[in-house]
Amino acid sequence: MKRWVAAMAVAVMMAAGVSAWAADEDGSQIKIVSPENGAAVKGDALELKYELAKGQHATHAHVYLDGQYQKGFSGTFKNLAPGKHEIKVVAANHDHKALAAEASVTIEVQ
């Protein structure tokens, strides 16, 4: 029952546009702090800020832009084309295997 209530609370918060933690069954959690979901971005550079609460297995996070893994990501997206983009952050273990904890936002570069 507690899991159902927590899942419903997260769903309501996300529908309302409130940032929520995405949790993994091992206790890992990820939250995208900036940019906010639906943000309109001017210019072609964007700094990503996120928080990773490591559970039993998470050691780091992987960042994706429009489904493409950003190997060696330094914290700033550069040369973003105008239009909509999805940013996703996924918890990963020491073997770089993705865990269930992930968070995503959609932005529009103007």
PDB file of N, CA and C in Angstrom:
ATOM      1  N   MET A   1       0.817  -1.190   0.000  1.00  0.00           N
ATOM      2  CA  MET A   1       0.000   0.000   0.000  1.00  0.00           C
ATOM      3  C   MET A   1       0.865   1.259   0.000  1.00  0.00           C
ATOM      4  N   LYS A   2       1.961   1.260   0.792  1.00  0.00           N
ATOM      5  CA  LYS A   2       2.825   2.430   0.849  1.00  0.00           C
ATOM      6  C   LYS A   2       3.457   2.722  -0.506  1.00  0.00           C
ATOM      7  N   ARG A   3       3.879   1.662  -1.229  1.00  0.00           N
ATOM      8  CA  ARG A   3       4.474   1.864  -2.558  1.00  0.00           C
ATOM      9  C   ARG A   3       3.467   2.487  -3.512  1.00  0.00           C
ATOM     10  N   TRP A   4       2.213   2.036  -3.440  1.00  0.00           N
ATOM     11  CA  TRP A   4       1.180   2.559  -4.327  1.00  0.00           C
ATOM     12  C   TRP A   4       0.958   4.033  -4.041  1.00  0.00           C
ATOM     13  N   VAL A   5       0.875   4.410  -2.765  1.00  0.00           N
ATOM     14  CA  VAL A   5       0.666   5.802  -2.390  1.00  0.00           C
ATOM     15  C   VAL A   5       1.846   6.651  -2.851  1.00  0.00           C
ATOM     16  N   ALA A   6       3.064   6.161  -2.658  1.00  0.00           N
ATOM     17  CA  ALA A   6       4.251   6.900  -3.095  1.00  0.00           C
ATOM     18  C   ALA A   6       4.261   7.057  -4.605  1.00  0.00           C
ATOM     19  N   ALA A   7       3.921   6.000  -5.325  1.00  0.00           N
ATOM     20  CA  ALA A   7       3.891   6.065  -6.791  1.00  0.00           C
ATOM     21  C   ALA A   7       2.844   7.065  -7.263  1.00  0.00           C
ATOM     22  N   MET A   8       1.693   7.084  -6.616  1.00  0.00           N
ATOM     23  CA  MET A   8       0.648   8.032  -6.984  1.00  0.00           C
ATOM     24  C   MET A   8       1.088   9.462  -6.693  1.00  0.00           C
ATOM     25  N   ALA A   9       1.773   9.688  -5.591  1.00  0.00           N
ATOM     26  CA  ALA A   9       2.254  11.028  -5.249  1.00  0.00           C
ATOM     27  C   ALA A   9       3.239  11.521  -6.295  1.00  0.00           C
ATOM     28  N   VAL A  10       4.148  10.660  -6.721  1.00  0.00           N
ATOM     29  CA  VAL A  10       5.109  11.031  -7.758  1.00  0.00           C
ATOM     30  C   VAL A  10       4.387  11.342  -9.059  1.00  0.00           C
ATOM     31  N   ALA A  11       3.412  10.523  -9.437  1.00  0.00           N
ATOM     32  CA  ALA A  11       2.659  10.744 -10.673  1.00  0.00           C
ATOM     33  C   ALA A  11       1.932  12.075 -10.638  1.00  0.00           C
ATOM     34  N   VAL A  12       1.316  12.416  -9.522  1.00  0.00           N
ATOM     35  CA  VAL A  12       0.605  13.686  -9.390  1.00  0.00           C
ATOM     36  C   VAL A  12       1.583  14.854  -9.470  1.00  0.00           C
ATOM     37  N   MET A  13       2.726  14.743  -8.797  1.00  0.00           N
ATOM     38  CA  MET A  13       3.719  15.806  -8.824  1.00  0.00           C
ATOM     39  C   MET A  13       4.260  16.013 -10.229  1.00  0.00           C
ATOM     40  N   MET A  14       4.520  14.922 -10.946  1.00  0.00           N
ATOM     41  CA  MET A  14       5.064  15.040 -12.298  1.00  0.00           C
ATOM     42  C   MET A  14       4.025  15.653 -13.236  1.00  0.00           C
ATOM     43  N   ALA A  15       2.760  15.259 -13.084  1.00  0.00           N
ATOM     44  CA  ALA A  15       1.696  15.820 -13.919  1.00  0.00           C
ATOM     45  C   ALA A  15       1.544  17.317 -13.666  1.00  0.00           C
ATOM     46  N   ALA A  16       1.824  17.740 -12.436  1.00  0.00           N
ATOM     47  CA  ALA A  16       1.718  19.154 -12.079  1.00  0.00           C
ATOM     48  C   ALA A  16       2.984  19.936 -12.444  1.00  0.00           C
ATOM     49  N   GLY A  17       3.992  19.249 -12.984  1.00  0.00           N
ATOM     50  CA  GLY A  17       5.221  19.913 -13.377  1.00  0.00           C
ATOM     51  C   GLY A  17       6.213  20.094 -12.242  1.00  0.00           C
ATOM     52  N   VAL A  18       6.003  19.410 -11.137  1.00  0.00           N
ATOM     53  CA  VAL A  18       6.904  19.503  -9.994  1.00  0.00           C
ATOM     54  C   VAL A  18       8.004  18.470 -10.156  1.00  0.00           C
ATOM     55  N   SER A  19       9.261  18.885  -9.935  1.00  0.00           N
ATOM     56  CA  SER A  19      10.358  17.929 -10.008  1.00  0.00           C
ATOM     57  C   SER A  19      10.175  16.866  -8.949  1.00  0.00           C
ATOM     58  N   ALA A  20      10.407  15.632  -9.317  1.00  0.00           N
ATOM     59  CA  ALA A  20      10.252  14.527  -8.372  1.00  0.00           C
ATOM     60  C   ALA A  20      11.473  13.626  -8.457  1.00  0.00           C
ATOM     61  N   TRP A  21      11.726  12.939  -7.382  1.00  0.00           N
ATOM     62  CA  TRP A  21      12.800  11.951  -7.363  1.00  0.00           C
ATOM     63  C   TRP A  21      12.316  10.710  -8.077  1.00  0.00           C
ATOM     64  N   ALA A  22      13.169  10.118  -8.887  1.00  0.00           N
ATOM     65  CA  ALA A  22      12.901   8.825  -9.500  1.00  0.00           C
ATOM     66  C   ALA A  22      13.750   7.818  -8.741  1.00  0.00           C
ATOM     67  N   ALA A  23      13.123   6.788  -8.196  1.00  0.00           N
ATOM     68  CA  ALA A  23      13.843   5.874  -7.302  1.00  0.00           C
ATOM     69  C   ALA A  23      14.021   4.489  -7.905  1.00  0.00           C
ATOM     70  N   ASP A  24      15.128   3.872  -7.579  1.00  0.00           N
ATOM     71  CA  ASP A  24      15.431   2.505  -7.978  1.00  0.00           C
ATOM     72  C   ASP A  24      15.111   1.590  -6.813  1.00  0.00           C
ATOM     73  N   GLU A  25      14.855   0.322  -7.085  1.00  0.00           N
ATOM     74  CA  GLU A  25      14.543  -0.626  -6.025  1.00  0.00           C
ATOM     75  C   GLU A  25      15.697  -0.817  -5.043  1.00  0.00           C
ATOM     76  N   ASP A  26      16.910  -0.421  -5.417  1.00  0.00           N
ATOM     77  CA  ASP A  26      18.055  -0.546  -4.501  1.00  0.00           C
ATOM     78  C   ASP A  26      18.235   0.701  -3.641  1.00  0.00           C
ATOM     79  N   GLY A  27      17.356   1.668  -3.783  1.00  0.00           N
ATOM     80  CA  GLY A  27      17.438   2.893  -3.005  1.00  0.00           C
ATOM     81  C   GLY A  27      18.052   4.060  -3.758  1.00  0.00           C
ATOM     82  N   SER A  28      18.518   3.829  -4.974  1.00  0.00           N
ATOM     83  CA  SER A  28      19.083   4.923  -5.766  1.00  0.00           C
ATOM     84  C   SER A  28      17.976   5.890  -6.161  1.00  0.00           C
ATOM     85  N   GLN A  29      18.332   7.175  -6.185  1.00  0.00           N
ATOM     86  CA  GLN A  29      17.374   8.202  -6.586  1.00  0.00           C
ATOM     87  C   GLN A  29      18.073   9.239  -7.438  1.00  0.00           C
ATOM     88  N   ILE A  30      17.349   9.750  -8.429  1.00  0.00           N
ATOM     89  CA  ILE A  30      17.881  10.803  -9.302  1.00  0.00           C
ATOM     90  C   ILE A  30      16.847  11.905  -9.402  1.00  0.00           C
ATOM     91  N   LYS A  31      17.353  13.128  -9.388  1.00  0.00           N
ATOM     92  CA  LYS A  31      16.492  14.293  -9.568  1.00  0.00           C
ATOM     93  C   LYS A  31      17.208  15.276 -10.488  1.00  0.00           C
ATOM     94  N   ILE A  32      16.536  15.713 -11.540  1.00  0.00           N
ATOM     95  CA  ILE A  32      17.071  16.772 -12.389  1.00  0.00           C
ATOM     96  C   ILE A  32      16.663  18.094 -11.742  1.00  0.00           C
ATOM     97  N   VAL A  33      17.657  18.872 -11.355  1.00  0.00           N
ATOM     98  CA  VAL A  33      17.426  20.140 -10.679  1.00  0.00           C
ATOM     99  C   VAL A  33      17.197  21.252 -11.703  1.00  0.00           C
ATOM    100  N   SER A  34      17.997  21.217 -12.774  1.00  0.00           N
ATOM    101  CA  SER A  34      17.899  22.231 -13.807  1.00  0.00           C
ATOM    102  C   SER A  34      18.388  21.641 -15.116  1.00  0.00           C
ATOM    103  N   PRO A  35      17.696  21.863 -16.197  1.00  0.00           N
ATOM    104  CA  PRO A  35      16.563  22.738 -16.412  1.00  0.00           C
ATOM    105  C   PRO A  35      15.244  22.084 -15.969  1.00  0.00           C
ATOM    106  N   GLU A  36      14.221  22.888 -15.836  1.00  0.00           N
ATOM    107  CA  GLU A  36      12.908  22.375 -15.487  1.00  0.00           C
ATOM    108  C   GLU A  36      12.252  21.764 -16.717  1.00  0.00           C
ATOM    109  N   ASN A  37      11.353  20.820 -16.476  1.00  0.00           N
ATOM    110  CA  ASN A  37      10.602  20.205 -17.565  1.00  0.00           C
ATOM    111  C   ASN A  37       9.799  21.285 -18.281  1.00  0.00           C
ATOM    112  N   GLY A  38       9.874  21.306 -19.598  1.00  0.00           N
ATOM    113  CA  GLY A  38       9.136  22.270 -20.402  1.00  0.00           C
ATOM    114  C   GLY A  38       9.822  23.612 -20.557  1.00  0.00           C
ATOM    115  N   ALA A  39      11.041  23.754 -20.051  1.00  0.00           N
ATOM    116  CA  ALA A  39      11.752  25.034 -20.116  1.00  0.00           C
ATOM    117  C   ALA A  39      12.039  25.442 -21.555  1.00  0.00           C
ATOM    118  N   ALA A  40      11.917  26.739 -21.804  1.00  0.00           N
ATOM    119  CA  ALA A  40      12.320  27.318 -23.080  1.00  0.00           C
ATOM    120  C   ALA A  40      13.726  27.870 -22.888  1.00  0.00           C
ATOM    121  N   VAL A  41      14.639  27.435 -23.738  1.00  0.00           N
ATOM    122  CA  VAL A  41      16.055  27.788 -23.593  1.00  0.00           C
ATOM    123  C   VAL A  41      16.474  28.671 -24.758  1.00  0.00           C
ATOM    124  N   LYS A  42      17.111  29.783 -24.427  1.00  0.00           N
ATOM    125  CA  LYS A  42      17.637  30.664 -25.476  1.00  0.00           C
ATOM    126  C   LYS A  42      19.127  30.400 -25.611  1.00  0.00           C
ATOM    127  N   GLY A  43      19.601  30.389 -26.822  1.00  0.00           N
ATOM    128  CA  GLY A  43      21.007  30.100 -27.062  1.00  0.00           C
ATOM    129  C   GLY A  43      21.196  28.626 -27.340  1.00  0.00           C
ATOM    130  N   ASP A  44      22.451  28.239 -27.588  1.00  0.00           N
ATOM    131  CA  ASP A  44      22.708  26.849 -27.969  1.00  0.00           C
ATOM    132  C   ASP A  44      23.494  26.072 -26.922  1.00  0.00           C
ATOM    133  N   ALA A  45      23.628  26.638 -25.700  1.00  0.00           N
ATOM    134  CA  ALA A  45      24.329  25.946 -24.619  1.00  0.00           C
ATOM    135  C   ALA A  45      23.402  25.843 -23.412  1.00  0.00           C
ATOM    136  N   LEU A  46      23.527  24.743 -22.685  1.00  0.00           N
ATOM    137  CA  LEU A  46      22.653  24.501 -21.544  1.00  0.00           C
ATOM    138  C   LEU A  46      23.390  23.695 -20.492  1.00  0.00           C
ATOM    139  N   GLU A  47      23.390  24.190 -19.258  1.00  0.00           N
ATOM    140  CA  GLU A  47      24.004  23.474 -18.155  1.00  0.00           C
ATOM    141  C   GLU A  47      22.969  22.540 -17.529  1.00  0.00           C
ATOM    142  N   LEU A  48      23.368  21.308 -17.299  1.00  0.00           N
ATOM    143  CA  LEU A  48      22.518  20.309 -16.647  1.00  0.00           C
ATOM    144  C   LEU A  48      22.963  20.161 -15.206  1.00  0.00           C
ATOM    145  N   LYS A  49      22.012  20.237 -14.280  1.00  0.00           N
ATOM    146  CA  LYS A  49      22.296  19.993 -12.869  1.00  0.00           C
ATOM    147  C   LYS A  49      21.359  18.889 -12.395  1.00  0.00           C
ATOM    148  N   TYR A  50      21.929  17.875 -11.773  1.00  0.00           N
ATOM    149  CA  TYR A  50      21.119  16.792 -11.230  1.00  0.00           C
ATOM    150  C   TYR A  50      21.726  16.313  -9.931  1.00  0.00           C
ATOM    151  N   GLU A  51      20.923  15.613  -9.157  1.00  0.00           N
ATOM    152  CA  GLU A  51      21.381  15.028  -7.903  1.00  0.00           C
ATOM    153  C   GLU A  51      21.195  13.528  -7.977  1.00  0.00           C
ATOM    154  N   LEU A  52      22.207  12.789  -7.566  1.00  0.00           N
ATOM    155  CA  LEU A  52      22.155  11.332  -7.522  1.00  0.00           C
ATOM    156  C   LEU A  52      22.353  10.892  -6.084  1.00  0.00           C
ATOM    157  N   ALA A  53      21.344  10.232  -5.528  1.00  0.00           N
ATOM    158  CA  ALA A  53      21.470   9.611  -4.209  1.00  0.00           C
ATOM    159  C   ALA A  53      21.743   8.137  -4.478  1.00  0.00           C
ATOM    160  N   LYS A  54      22.970   7.721  -4.191  1.00  0.00           N
ATOM    161  CA  LYS A  54      23.402   6.362  -4.522  1.00  0.00           C
ATOM    162  C   LYS A  54      22.790   5.348  -3.562  1.00  0.00           C
ATOM    163  N   GLY A  55      22.205   4.306  -4.136  1.00  0.00           N
ATOM    164  CA  GLY A  55      21.685   3.206  -3.345  1.00  0.00           C
ATOM    165  C   GLY A  55      22.755   2.137  -3.187  1.00  0.00           C
ATOM    166  N   GLN A  56      22.330   0.900  -3.121  1.00  0.00           N
ATOM    167  CA  GLN A  56      23.262  -0.207  -2.943  1.00  0.00           C
ATOM    168  C   GLN A  56      24.146  -0.433  -4.156  1.00  0.00           C
ATOM    169  N   HIS A  57      23.674  -0.098  -5.351  1.00  0.00           N
ATOM    170  CA  HIS A  57      24.405  -0.451  -6.569  1.00  0.00           C
ATOM    171  C   HIS A  57      24.877   0.739  -7.402  1.00  0.00           C
ATOM    172  N   ALA A  58      24.234   1.879  -7.306  1.00  0.00           N
ATOM    173  CA  ALA A  58      24.596   3.027  -8.145  1.00  0.00           C
ATOM    174  C   ALA A  58      25.950   3.594  -7.747  1.00  0.00           C
ATOM    175  N   THR A  59      26.767   3.882  -8.746  1.00  0.00           N
ATOM    176  CA  THR A  59      28.053   4.523  -8.504  1.00  0.00           C
ATOM    177  C   THR A  59      28.174   5.854  -9.243  1.00  0.00           C
ATOM    178  N   HIS A  60      27.356   6.021 -10.287  1.00  0.00           N
ATOM    179  CA  HIS A  60      27.413   7.237 -11.085  1.00  0.00           C
ATOM    180  C   HIS A  60      26.149   7.295 -11.950  1.00  0.00           C
ATOM    181  N   ALA A  61      26.067   8.310 -12.807  1.00  0.00           N
ATOM    182  CA  ALA A  61      24.910   8.457 -13.692  1.00  0.00           C
ATOM    183  C   ALA A  61      25.371   8.609 -15.135  1.00  0.00           C
ATOM    184  N   HIS A  62      24.508   8.185 -16.045  1.00  0.00           N
ATOM    185  CA  HIS A  62      24.721   8.383 -17.478  1.00  0.00           C
ATOM    186  C   HIS A  62      23.726   9.433 -17.959  1.00  0.00           C
ATOM    187  N   VAL A  63      24.169  10.294 -18.853  1.00  0.00           N
ATOM    188  CA  VAL A  63      23.334  11.358 -19.392  1.00  0.00           C
ATOM    189  C   VAL A  63      23.063  11.068 -20.859  1.00  0.00           C
ATOM    190  N   TYR A  64      21.797  11.271 -21.251  1.00  0.00           N
ATOM    191  CA  TYR A  64      21.368  11.056 -22.637  1.00  0.00           C
ATOM    192  C   TYR A  64      20.703  12.325 -23.152  1.00  0.00           C
ATOM    193  N   LEU A  65      20.956  12.655 -24.407  1.00  0.00           N
ATOM    194  CA  LEU A  65      20.273  13.743 -25.086  1.00  0.00           C
ATOM    195  C   LEU A  65      19.599  13.150 -26.305  1.00  0.00           C
ATOM    196  N   ASP A  66      18.288  13.246 -26.339  1.00  0.00           N
ATOM    197  CA  ASP A  66      17.502  12.692 -27.446  1.00  0.00           C
ATOM    198  C   ASP A  66      17.841  11.221 -27.693  1.00  0.00           C
ATOM    199  N   GLY A  67      18.019  10.479 -26.614  1.00  0.00           N
ATOM    200  CA  GLY A  67      18.280   9.045 -26.701  1.00  0.00           C
ATOM    201  C   GLY A  67      19.725   8.671 -26.962  1.00  0.00           C
ATOM    202  N   GLN A  68      20.600   9.643 -27.140  1.00  0.00           N
ATOM    203  CA  GLN A  68      22.005   9.382 -27.426  1.00  0.00           C
ATOM    204  C   GLN A  68      22.844   9.572 -26.162  1.00  0.00           C
ATOM    205  N   TYR A  69      23.577   8.529 -25.785  1.00  0.00           N
ATOM    206  CA  TYR A  69      24.448   8.584 -24.616  1.00  0.00           C
ATOM    207  C   TYR A  69      25.515   9.649 -24.814  1.00  0.00           C
ATOM    208  N   GLN A  70      25.723  10.483 -23.806  1.00  0.00           N
ATOM    209  CA  GLN A  70      26.693  11.566 -23.871  1.00  0.00           C
ATOM    210  C   GLN A  70      27.970  11.150 -23.141  1.00  0.00           C
ATOM    211  N   LYS A  71      28.791  10.356 -23.817  1.00  0.00           N
ATOM    212  CA  LYS A  71      30.023   9.844 -23.222  1.00  0.00           C
ATOM    213  C   LYS A  71      30.931  11.012 -22.825  1.00  0.00           C
ATOM    214  N   GLY A  72      31.449  10.954 -21.597  1.00  0.00           N
ATOM    215  CA  GLY A  72      32.342  12.000 -21.119  1.00  0.00           C
ATOM    216  C   GLY A  72      31.646  13.328 -20.878  1.00  0.00           C
ATOM    217  N   PHE A  73      30.364  13.308 -20.622  1.00  0.00           N
ATOM    218  CA  PHE A  73      29.589  14.541 -20.435  1.00  0.00           C
ATOM    219  C   PHE A  73      30.197  15.406 -19.340  1.00  0.00           C
ATOM    220  N   SER A  74      30.410  16.683 -19.640  1.00  0.00           N
ATOM    221  CA  SER A  74      31.080  17.590 -18.708  1.00  0.00           C
ATOM    222  C   SER A  74      30.128  18.463 -17.902  1.00  0.00           C
ATOM    223  N   GLY A  75      28.827  18.371 -18.169  1.00  0.00           N
ATOM    224  CA  GLY A  75      27.854  19.164 -17.428  1.00  0.00           C
ATOM    225  C   GLY A  75      27.144  20.204 -18.262  1.00  0.00           C
ATOM    226  N   THR A  76      27.649  20.476 -19.466  1.00  0.00           N
ATOM    227  CA  THR A  76      27.031  21.471 -20.343  1.00  0.00           C
ATOM    228  C   THR A  76      26.820  20.892 -21.734  1.00  0.00           C
ATOM    229  N   PHE A  77      25.599  21.035 -22.226  1.00  0.00           N
ATOM    230  CA  PHE A  77      25.316  20.682 -23.621  1.00  0.00           C
ATOM    231  C   PHE A  77      25.691  21.890 -24.463  1.00  0.00           C
ATOM    232  N   LYS A  78      26.389  21.657 -25.571  1.00  0.00           N
ATOM    233  CA  LYS A  78      26.805  22.743 -26.452  1.00  0.00           C
ATOM    234  C   LYS A  78      26.266  22.491 -27.850  1.00  0.00           C
ATOM    235  N   ASN A  79      26.085  23.563 -28.592  1.00  0.00           N
ATOM    236  CA  ASN A  79      25.631  23.497 -29.987  1.00  0.00           C
ATOM    237  C   ASN A  79      24.287  22.796 -30.126  1.00  0.00           C
ATOM    238  N   LEU A  80      23.359  23.089 -29.216  1.00  0.00           N
ATOM    239  CA  LEU A  80      22.026  22.500 -29.297  1.00  0.00           C
ATOM    240  C   LEU A  80      21.255  23.121 -30.465  1.00  0.00           C
ATOM    241  N   ALA A  81      20.667  22.283 -31.276  1.00  0.00           N
ATOM    242  CA  ALA A  81      19.860  22.759 -32.395  1.00  0.00           C
ATOM    243  C   ALA A  81      18.521  23.271 -31.870  1.00  0.00           C
ATOM    244  N   PRO A  82      17.931  24.252 -32.555  1.00  0.00           N
ATOM    245  CA  PRO A  82      16.604  24.714 -32.154  1.00  0.00           C
ATOM    246  C   PRO A  82      15.600  23.564 -32.214  1.00  0.00           C
ATOM    247  N   GLY A  83      14.622  23.609 -31.315  1.00  0.00           N
ATOM    248  CA  GLY A  83      13.579  22.589 -31.287  1.00  0.00           C
ATOM    249  C   GLY A  83      13.519  21.890 -29.932  1.00  0.00           C
ATOM    250  N   LYS A  84      12.686  20.851 -29.871  1.00  0.00           N
ATOM    251  CA  LYS A  84      12.494  20.103 -28.630  1.00  0.00           C
ATOM    252  C   LYS A  84      13.575  19.045 -28.458  1.00  0.00           C
ATOM    253  N   HIS A  85      13.993  18.872 -27.203  1.00  0.00           N
ATOM    254  CA  HIS A  85      15.001  17.880 -26.861  1.00  0.00           C
ATOM    255  C   HIS A  85      14.622  17.209 -25.549  1.00  0.00           C
ATOM    256  N   GLU A  86      14.933  15.921 -25.442  1.00  0.00           N
ATOM    257  CA  GLU A  86      14.738  15.196 -24.198  1.00  0.00           C
ATOM    258  C   GLU A  86      16.091  14.951 -23.556  1.00  0.00           C
ATOM    259  N   ILE A  87      16.186  15.291 -22.269  1.00  0.00           N
ATOM    260  CA  ILE A  87      17.378  15.023 -21.469  1.00  0.00           C
ATOM    261  C   ILE A  87      16.998  13.961 -20.452  1.00  0.00           C
ATOM    262  N   LYS A  88      17.796  12.899 -20.387  1.00  0.00           N
ATOM    263  CA  LYS A  88      17.531  11.825 -19.435  1.00  0.00           C
ATOM    264  C   LYS A  88      18.802  11.524 -18.658  1.00  0.00           C
ATOM    265  N   VAL A  89      18.652  11.317 -17.355  1.00  0.00           N
ATOM    266  CA  VAL A  89      19.766  10.942 -16.497  1.00  0.00           C
ATOM    267  C   VAL A  89      19.399   9.600 -15.868  1.00  0.00           C
ATOM    268  N   VAL A  90      20.300   8.626 -15.998  1.00  0.00           N
ATOM    269  CA  VAL A  90      20.039   7.256 -15.544  1.00  0.00           C
ATOM    270  C   VAL A  90      21.137   6.815 -14.585  1.00  0.00           C
ATOM    271  N   ALA A  91      20.748   6.264 -13.436  1.00  0.00           N
ATOM    272  CA  ALA A  91      21.730   5.717 -12.494  1.00  0.00           C
ATOM    273  C   ALA A  91      22.383   4.493 -13.125  1.00  0.00           C
ATOM    274  N   ALA A  92      23.675   4.312 -12.840  1.00  0.00           N
ATOM    275  CA  ALA A  92      24.413   3.169 -13.374  1.00  0.00           C
ATOM    276  C   ALA A  92      25.311   2.592 -12.285  1.00  0.00           C
ATOM    277  N   ASN A  93      25.627   1.305 -12.439  1.00  0.00           N
ATOM    278  CA  ASN A  93      26.519   0.656 -11.465  1.00  0.00           C
ATOM    279  C   ASN A  93      27.963   0.725 -11.958  1.00  0.00           C
ATOM    280  N   HIS A  94      28.880   0.122 -11.222  1.00  0.00           N
ATOM    281  CA  HIS A  94      30.310   0.202 -11.578  1.00  0.00           C
ATOM    282  C   HIS A  94      30.634  -0.459 -12.918  1.00  0.00           C
ATOM    283  N   ASP A  95      29.751  -1.363 -13.384  1.00  0.00           N
ATOM    284  CA  ASP A  95      29.922  -1.991 -14.693  1.00  0.00           C
ATOM    285  C   ASP A  95      29.245  -1.191 -15.801  1.00  0.00           C
ATOM    286  N   HIS A  96      28.747   0.006 -15.464  1.00  0.00           N
ATOM    287  CA  HIS A  96      28.037   0.891 -16.394  1.00  0.00           C
ATOM    288  C   HIS A  96      26.679   0.345 -16.812  1.00  0.00           C
ATOM    289  N   LYS A  97      26.160  -0.627 -16.076  1.00  0.00           N
ATOM    290  CA  LYS A  97      24.820  -1.157 -16.357  1.00  0.00           C
ATOM    291  C   LYS A  97      23.791  -0.182 -15.790  1.00  0.00           C
ATOM    292  N   ALA A  98      22.809   0.167 -16.613  1.00  0.00           N
ATOM    293  CA  ALA A  98      21.763   1.089 -16.189  1.00  0.00           C
ATOM    294  C   ALA A  98      20.886   0.442 -15.121  1.00  0.00           C
ATOM    295  N   LEU A  99      20.510   1.253 -14.152  1.00  0.00           N
ATOM    296  CA  LEU A  99      19.585   0.831 -13.108  1.00  0.00           C
ATOM    297  C   LEU A  99      18.221   1.463 -13.381  1.00  0.00           C
ATOM    298  N   ALA A 100      17.239   1.122 -12.587  1.00  0.00           N
ATOM    299  CA  ALA A 100      15.882   1.611 -12.832  1.00  0.00           C
ATOM    300  C   ALA A 100      15.698   3.091 -12.515  1.00  0.00           C
ATOM    301  N   ALA A 101      16.520   3.653 -11.637  1.00  0.00           N
ATOM    302  CA  ALA A 101      16.357   5.070 -11.275  1.00  0.00           C
ATOM    303  C   ALA A 101      16.754   5.954 -12.449  1.00  0.00           C
ATOM    304  N   GLU A 102      15.813   6.773 -12.891  1.00  0.00           N
ATOM    305  CA  GLU A 102      16.087   7.707 -13.969  1.00  0.00           C
ATOM    306  C   GLU A 102      15.154   8.897 -13.844  1.00  0.00           C
ATOM    307  N   ALA A 103      15.554   9.987 -14.431  1.00  0.00           N
ATOM    308  CA  ALA A 103      14.735  11.194 -14.478  1.00  0.00           C
ATOM    309  C   ALA A 103      14.912  11.813 -15.854  1.00  0.00           C
ATOM    310  N   SER A 104      13.867  12.466 -16.351  1.00  0.00           N
ATOM    311  CA  SER A 104      13.983  13.099 -17.661  1.00  0.00           C
ATOM    312  C   SER A 104      13.177  14.386 -17.696  1.00  0.00           C
ATOM    313  N   VAL A 105      13.594  15.273 -18.567  1.00  0.00           N
ATOM    314  CA  VAL A 105      12.877  16.519 -18.844  1.00  0.00           C
ATOM    315  C   VAL A 105      12.896  16.743 -20.349  1.00  0.00           C
ATOM    316  N   THR A 106      11.926  17.492 -20.806  1.00  0.00           N
ATOM    317  CA  THR A 106      11.880  17.919 -22.196  1.00  0.00           C
ATOM    318  C   THR A 106      12.035  19.430 -22.199  1.00  0.00           C
ATOM    319  N   ILE A 107      12.894  19.924 -23.064  1.00  0.00           N
ATOM    320  CA  ILE A 107      13.128  21.366 -23.187  1.00  0.00           C
ATOM    321  C   ILE A 107      12.900  21.788 -24.628  1.00  0.00           C
ATOM    322  N   GLU A 108      12.798  23.083 -24.845  1.00  0.00           N
ATOM    323  CA  GLU A 108      12.735  23.596 -26.203  1.00  0.00           C
ATOM    324  C   GLU A 108      13.773  24.698 -26.363  1.00  0.00           C
ATOM    325  N   VAL A 109      14.686  24.480 -27.296  1.00  0.00           N
ATOM    326  CA  VAL A 109      15.710  25.470 -27.606  1.00  0.00           C
ATOM    327  C   VAL A 109      15.136  26.407 -28.640  1.00  0.00           C
ATOM    328  N   GLN A 110      15.213  27.701 -28.345  1.00  0.00           N
ATOM    329  CA  GLN A 110      14.622  28.698 -29.262  1.00  0.00           C
ATOM    330  C   GLN A 110      15.687  29.362 -30.104  1.00  0.00           C
TER     331      GLN A 110
END
